[in-house]
Amino acid sequence: MLFAALALVQDQLVRQHAIWRPYPKGPLIIAIFLPAYFLPTMLGFRSRRRWKIAAVNILLGWTVVGWVAAMVMAIRPPAEDPAEEPRLA
């Protein structure tokens, strides 16, 4: 009961003195979407195509198609090089 009364008084004081402002959502949105934007680059740094993936993500990631292309490049396994296979003969 005491906490409810204190909360009510605090709410009235804040509103009376025009201190009340809505919570700024910009930093929260940036903190969520910035890592999501660079997710293909972060995943791609474990492959040989890391700089190509980073370039596509940074230059074209602002488009949905560019971001999806960078993500596909990041999660796709590298193509097997026939020159690296051992020869039997």
N, C-alpha and C. Protein backbone atom coordinates (compact mmCIF):
# COMPACT_ATOMS: atom_id res chain seq x y z
N MET A 1 0.82 -1.19 0.00
CA MET A 1 0.00 0.00 0.00
C MET A 1 0.87 1.26 0.00
N LEU A 2 1.94 1.21 0.78
CA LEU A 2 2.84 2.36 0.87
C LEU A 2 3.53 2.60 -0.46
N PHE A 3 3.95 1.51 -1.13
CA PHE A 3 4.61 1.65 -2.42
C PHE A 3 3.67 2.20 -3.49
N ALA A 4 2.43 1.81 -3.44
CA ALA A 4 1.45 2.33 -4.40
C ALA A 4 1.24 3.82 -4.19
N ALA A 5 1.18 4.24 -2.93
CA ALA A 5 1.00 5.67 -2.64
C ALA A 5 2.22 6.46 -3.09
N LEU A 6 3.42 5.93 -2.82
CA LEU A 6 4.64 6.61 -3.25
C LEU A 6 4.72 6.71 -4.77
N ALA A 7 4.32 5.65 -5.45
CA ALA A 7 4.33 5.67 -6.91
C ALA A 7 3.35 6.70 -7.44
N LEU A 8 2.19 6.80 -6.82
CA LEU A 8 1.20 7.78 -7.25
C LEU A 8 1.70 9.20 -7.03
N VAL A 9 2.32 9.45 -5.88
CA VAL A 9 2.86 10.79 -5.60
C VAL A 9 3.98 11.12 -6.58
N GLN A 10 4.87 10.16 -6.81
CA GLN A 10 5.97 10.40 -7.76
C GLN A 10 5.42 10.69 -9.15
N ASP A 11 4.42 9.93 -9.56
CA ASP A 11 3.83 10.15 -10.88
C ASP A 11 3.23 11.54 -10.99
N GLN A 12 2.55 11.98 -9.96
CA GLN A 12 1.94 13.31 -9.98
C GLN A 12 3.01 14.41 -9.99
N LEU A 13 4.09 14.22 -9.22
CA LEU A 13 5.15 15.22 -9.20
C LEU A 13 5.85 15.32 -10.55
N VAL A 14 6.10 14.19 -11.15
CA VAL A 14 6.78 14.20 -12.44
C VAL A 14 5.92 14.87 -13.49
N ARG A 15 4.65 14.56 -13.51
CA ARG A 15 3.75 15.16 -14.51
C ARG A 15 3.53 16.65 -14.24
N GLN A 16 3.52 17.04 -12.97
CA GLN A 16 3.32 18.44 -12.63
C GLN A 16 4.49 19.30 -13.08
N HIS A 17 5.67 18.79 -12.96
CA HIS A 17 6.86 19.57 -13.27
C HIS A 17 7.34 19.36 -14.70
N ALA A 18 6.56 18.72 -15.48
CA ALA A 18 6.85 18.52 -16.90
C ALA A 18 8.20 17.82 -17.12
N ILE A 19 8.55 16.95 -16.19
CA ILE A 19 9.78 16.18 -16.36
C ILE A 19 9.50 14.93 -17.18
N TRP A 20 8.26 14.51 -17.18
CA TRP A 20 7.89 13.26 -17.85
C TRP A 20 8.15 13.36 -19.35
N ARG A 21 8.91 12.41 -19.83
CA ARG A 21 9.18 12.33 -21.26
C ARG A 21 9.09 10.86 -21.66
N PRO A 22 8.63 10.60 -22.84
CA PRO A 22 8.58 9.20 -23.26
C PRO A 22 9.98 8.63 -23.36
N TYR A 23 10.10 7.36 -23.13
CA TYR A 23 11.39 6.68 -23.20
C TYR A 23 11.93 6.74 -24.62
N PRO A 24 13.17 7.17 -24.82
CA PRO A 24 13.72 7.23 -26.18
C PRO A 24 13.98 5.82 -26.71
N LYS A 25 13.36 5.51 -27.82
CA LYS A 25 13.45 4.17 -28.38
C LYS A 25 14.55 4.04 -29.42
N GLY A 26 15.16 5.13 -29.83
CA GLY A 26 16.20 5.09 -30.85
C GLY A 26 17.39 4.22 -30.49
N PRO A 27 17.99 4.41 -29.30
CA PRO A 27 19.13 3.55 -28.95
C PRO A 27 18.78 2.07 -28.88
N LEU A 28 17.57 1.77 -28.42
CA LEU A 28 17.14 0.37 -28.34
C LEU A 28 17.00 -0.23 -29.74
N ILE A 29 16.44 0.52 -30.66
CA ILE A 29 16.29 0.04 -32.03
C ILE A 29 17.65 -0.15 -32.67
N ILE A 30 18.56 0.77 -32.45
CA ILE A 30 19.91 0.64 -33.00
C ILE A 30 20.61 -0.58 -32.41
N ALA A 31 20.46 -0.80 -31.11
CA ALA A 31 21.12 -1.93 -30.45
C ALA A 31 20.60 -3.27 -30.95
N ILE A 32 19.38 -3.31 -31.44
CA ILE A 32 18.82 -4.56 -31.95
C ILE A 32 19.13 -4.73 -33.43
N PHE A 33 18.93 -3.70 -34.23
CA PHE A 33 19.02 -3.85 -35.67
C PHE A 33 20.44 -3.76 -36.23
N LEU A 34 21.35 -3.09 -35.56
CA LEU A 34 22.71 -3.00 -36.07
C LEU A 34 23.40 -4.37 -36.09
N PRO A 35 23.33 -5.15 -35.01
CA PRO A 35 23.91 -6.51 -35.12
C PRO A 35 23.18 -7.38 -36.14
N ALA A 36 21.87 -7.22 -36.26
CA ALA A 36 21.13 -8.00 -37.25
C ALA A 36 21.54 -7.62 -38.67
N TYR A 37 21.83 -6.34 -38.88
CA TYR A 37 22.26 -5.87 -40.20
C TYR A 37 23.60 -6.48 -40.59
N PHE A 38 24.52 -6.58 -39.62
CA PHE A 38 25.85 -7.10 -39.90
C PHE A 38 25.98 -8.60 -39.63
N LEU A 39 24.88 -9.29 -39.40
CA LEU A 39 24.92 -10.73 -39.15
C LEU A 39 25.58 -11.51 -40.29
N PRO A 40 25.28 -11.24 -41.57
CA PRO A 40 25.99 -11.97 -42.64
C PRO A 40 27.50 -11.75 -42.60
N THR A 41 27.93 -10.55 -42.29
CA THR A 41 29.37 -10.28 -42.21
C THR A 41 29.99 -11.04 -41.05
N MET A 42 29.31 -11.06 -39.91
CA MET A 42 29.84 -11.78 -38.75
C MET A 42 29.92 -13.28 -39.03
N LEU A 43 28.90 -13.83 -39.67
CA LEU A 43 28.92 -15.25 -40.00
C LEU A 43 29.94 -15.55 -41.10
N GLY A 44 30.14 -14.61 -42.00
CA GLY A 44 31.04 -14.83 -43.13
C GLY A 44 32.51 -14.76 -42.78
N PHE A 45 32.86 -14.23 -41.63
CA PHE A 45 34.27 -14.11 -41.29
C PHE A 45 34.92 -15.45 -40.95
N ARG A 46 34.17 -16.53 -40.99
CA ARG A 46 34.77 -17.84 -40.81
C ARG A 46 35.05 -18.52 -42.14
N SER A 47 34.75 -17.87 -43.23
CA SER A 47 34.98 -18.48 -44.54
C SER A 47 36.05 -17.70 -45.31
N ARG A 48 36.44 -18.24 -46.44
CA ARG A 48 37.44 -17.59 -47.29
C ARG A 48 36.88 -16.37 -48.01
N ARG A 49 35.56 -16.33 -48.19
CA ARG A 49 34.93 -15.23 -48.93
C ARG A 49 34.54 -14.07 -48.01
N ARG A 50 35.25 -13.91 -46.91
CA ARG A 50 34.84 -12.92 -45.90
C ARG A 50 34.76 -11.51 -46.44
N TRP A 51 35.69 -11.11 -47.29
CA TRP A 51 35.69 -9.72 -47.77
C TRP A 51 34.62 -9.49 -48.83
N LYS A 52 34.31 -10.52 -49.61
CA LYS A 52 33.22 -10.39 -50.58
C LYS A 52 31.88 -10.27 -49.86
N ILE A 53 31.71 -11.10 -48.84
CA ILE A 53 30.47 -11.05 -48.06
C ILE A 53 30.33 -9.70 -47.37
N ALA A 54 31.41 -9.21 -46.79
CA ALA A 54 31.37 -7.91 -46.11
C ALA A 54 31.06 -6.79 -47.09
N ALA A 55 31.64 -6.86 -48.28
CA ALA A 55 31.39 -5.81 -49.28
C ALA A 55 29.93 -5.82 -49.72
N VAL A 56 29.39 -7.00 -49.99
CA VAL A 56 27.98 -7.08 -50.40
C VAL A 56 27.08 -6.59 -49.27
N ASN A 57 27.39 -7.00 -48.05
CA ASN A 57 26.55 -6.61 -46.93
C ASN A 57 26.60 -5.10 -46.68
N ILE A 58 27.78 -4.52 -46.73
CA ILE A 58 27.91 -3.09 -46.44
C ILE A 58 27.34 -2.23 -47.57
N LEU A 59 27.64 -2.63 -48.82
CA LEU A 59 27.20 -1.80 -49.95
C LEU A 59 25.75 -2.04 -50.35
N LEU A 60 25.28 -3.29 -50.26
CA LEU A 60 23.92 -3.59 -50.71
C LEU A 60 23.01 -4.10 -49.60
N GLY A 61 23.51 -4.18 -48.37
CA GLY A 61 22.72 -4.72 -47.28
C GLY A 61 21.50 -3.90 -46.93
N TRP A 62 21.51 -2.62 -47.27
CA TRP A 62 20.36 -1.77 -46.97
C TRP A 62 19.15 -2.16 -47.79
N THR A 63 19.38 -2.86 -48.90
CA THR A 63 18.26 -3.44 -49.64
C THR A 63 18.03 -4.83 -49.08
N VAL A 64 16.84 -5.27 -49.10
CA VAL A 64 16.55 -6.61 -48.57
C VAL A 64 17.23 -7.67 -49.42
N VAL A 65 17.26 -7.46 -50.72
CA VAL A 65 17.87 -8.43 -51.63
C VAL A 65 19.38 -8.54 -51.36
N GLY A 66 20.05 -7.43 -51.14
CA GLY A 66 21.48 -7.46 -50.85
C GLY A 66 21.78 -8.14 -49.53
N TRP A 67 20.94 -7.92 -48.52
CA TRP A 67 21.14 -8.56 -47.23
C TRP A 67 20.95 -10.06 -47.35
N VAL A 68 19.91 -10.48 -48.08
CA VAL A 68 19.65 -11.91 -48.26
C VAL A 68 20.79 -12.55 -49.06
N ALA A 69 21.29 -11.87 -50.09
CA ALA A 69 22.40 -12.40 -50.87
C ALA A 69 23.64 -12.57 -50.00
N ALA A 70 23.92 -11.60 -49.15
CA ALA A 70 25.07 -11.71 -48.25
C ALA A 70 24.87 -12.85 -47.25
N MET A 71 23.65 -13.03 -46.78
CA MET A 71 23.38 -14.12 -45.84
C MET A 71 23.55 -15.48 -46.51
N VAL A 72 23.08 -15.60 -47.74
CA VAL A 72 23.23 -16.86 -48.47
C VAL A 72 24.71 -17.14 -48.71
N MET A 73 25.47 -16.12 -49.07
CA MET A 73 26.91 -16.30 -49.26
C MET A 73 27.60 -16.71 -47.96
N ALA A 74 27.12 -16.21 -46.85
CA ALA A 74 27.75 -16.49 -45.55
C ALA A 74 27.47 -17.90 -45.07
N ILE A 75 26.26 -18.40 -45.29
CA ILE A 75 25.92 -19.71 -44.74
C ILE A 75 26.14 -20.85 -45.73
N ARG A 76 26.36 -20.52 -47.00
CA ARG A 76 26.61 -21.56 -48.00
C ARG A 76 28.01 -22.12 -47.80
N PRO A 77 28.15 -23.46 -47.83
CA PRO A 77 29.50 -24.02 -47.71
C PRO A 77 30.32 -23.69 -48.94
N PRO A 78 31.63 -23.57 -48.79
CA PRO A 78 32.46 -23.24 -49.95
C PRO A 78 32.45 -24.36 -50.98
N ALA A 79 32.53 -23.97 -52.24
CA ALA A 79 32.54 -24.96 -53.32
C ALA A 79 33.83 -25.76 -53.24
N GLU A 80 33.72 -27.05 -53.53
CA GLU A 80 34.90 -27.90 -53.49
C GLU A 80 35.76 -27.63 -54.71
N ASP A 81 37.04 -27.45 -54.48
CA ASP A 81 37.98 -27.20 -55.55
C ASP A 81 38.53 -28.55 -56.04
N PRO A 82 38.33 -28.89 -57.32
CA PRO A 82 38.82 -30.18 -57.81
C PRO A 82 40.35 -30.29 -57.77
N ALA A 83 41.05 -29.18 -57.74
CA ALA A 83 42.51 -29.23 -57.70
C ALA A 83 43.02 -29.70 -56.33
N GLU A 84 42.19 -29.57 -55.29
CA GLU A 84 42.61 -29.96 -53.95
C GLU A 84 42.37 -31.44 -53.66
N GLU A 85 41.62 -32.13 -54.51
CA GLU A 85 41.34 -33.53 -54.27
C GLU A 85 42.59 -34.39 -54.56
N PRO A 86 42.84 -35.40 -53.74
CA PRO A 86 43.99 -36.26 -53.99
C PRO A 86 43.74 -37.14 -55.22
N ARG A 87 44.78 -37.37 -55.98
CA ARG A 87 44.67 -38.20 -57.19
C ARG A 87 45.02 -39.64 -56.83
N LEU A 88 44.28 -40.55 -57.41
CA LEU A 88 44.48 -41.95 -57.12
C LEU A 88 45.58 -42.57 -58.00
N ALA A 89 45.82 -42.04 -59.14
CA ALA A 89 46.78 -42.68 -60.06
C ALA A 89 48.16 -42.18 -59.89
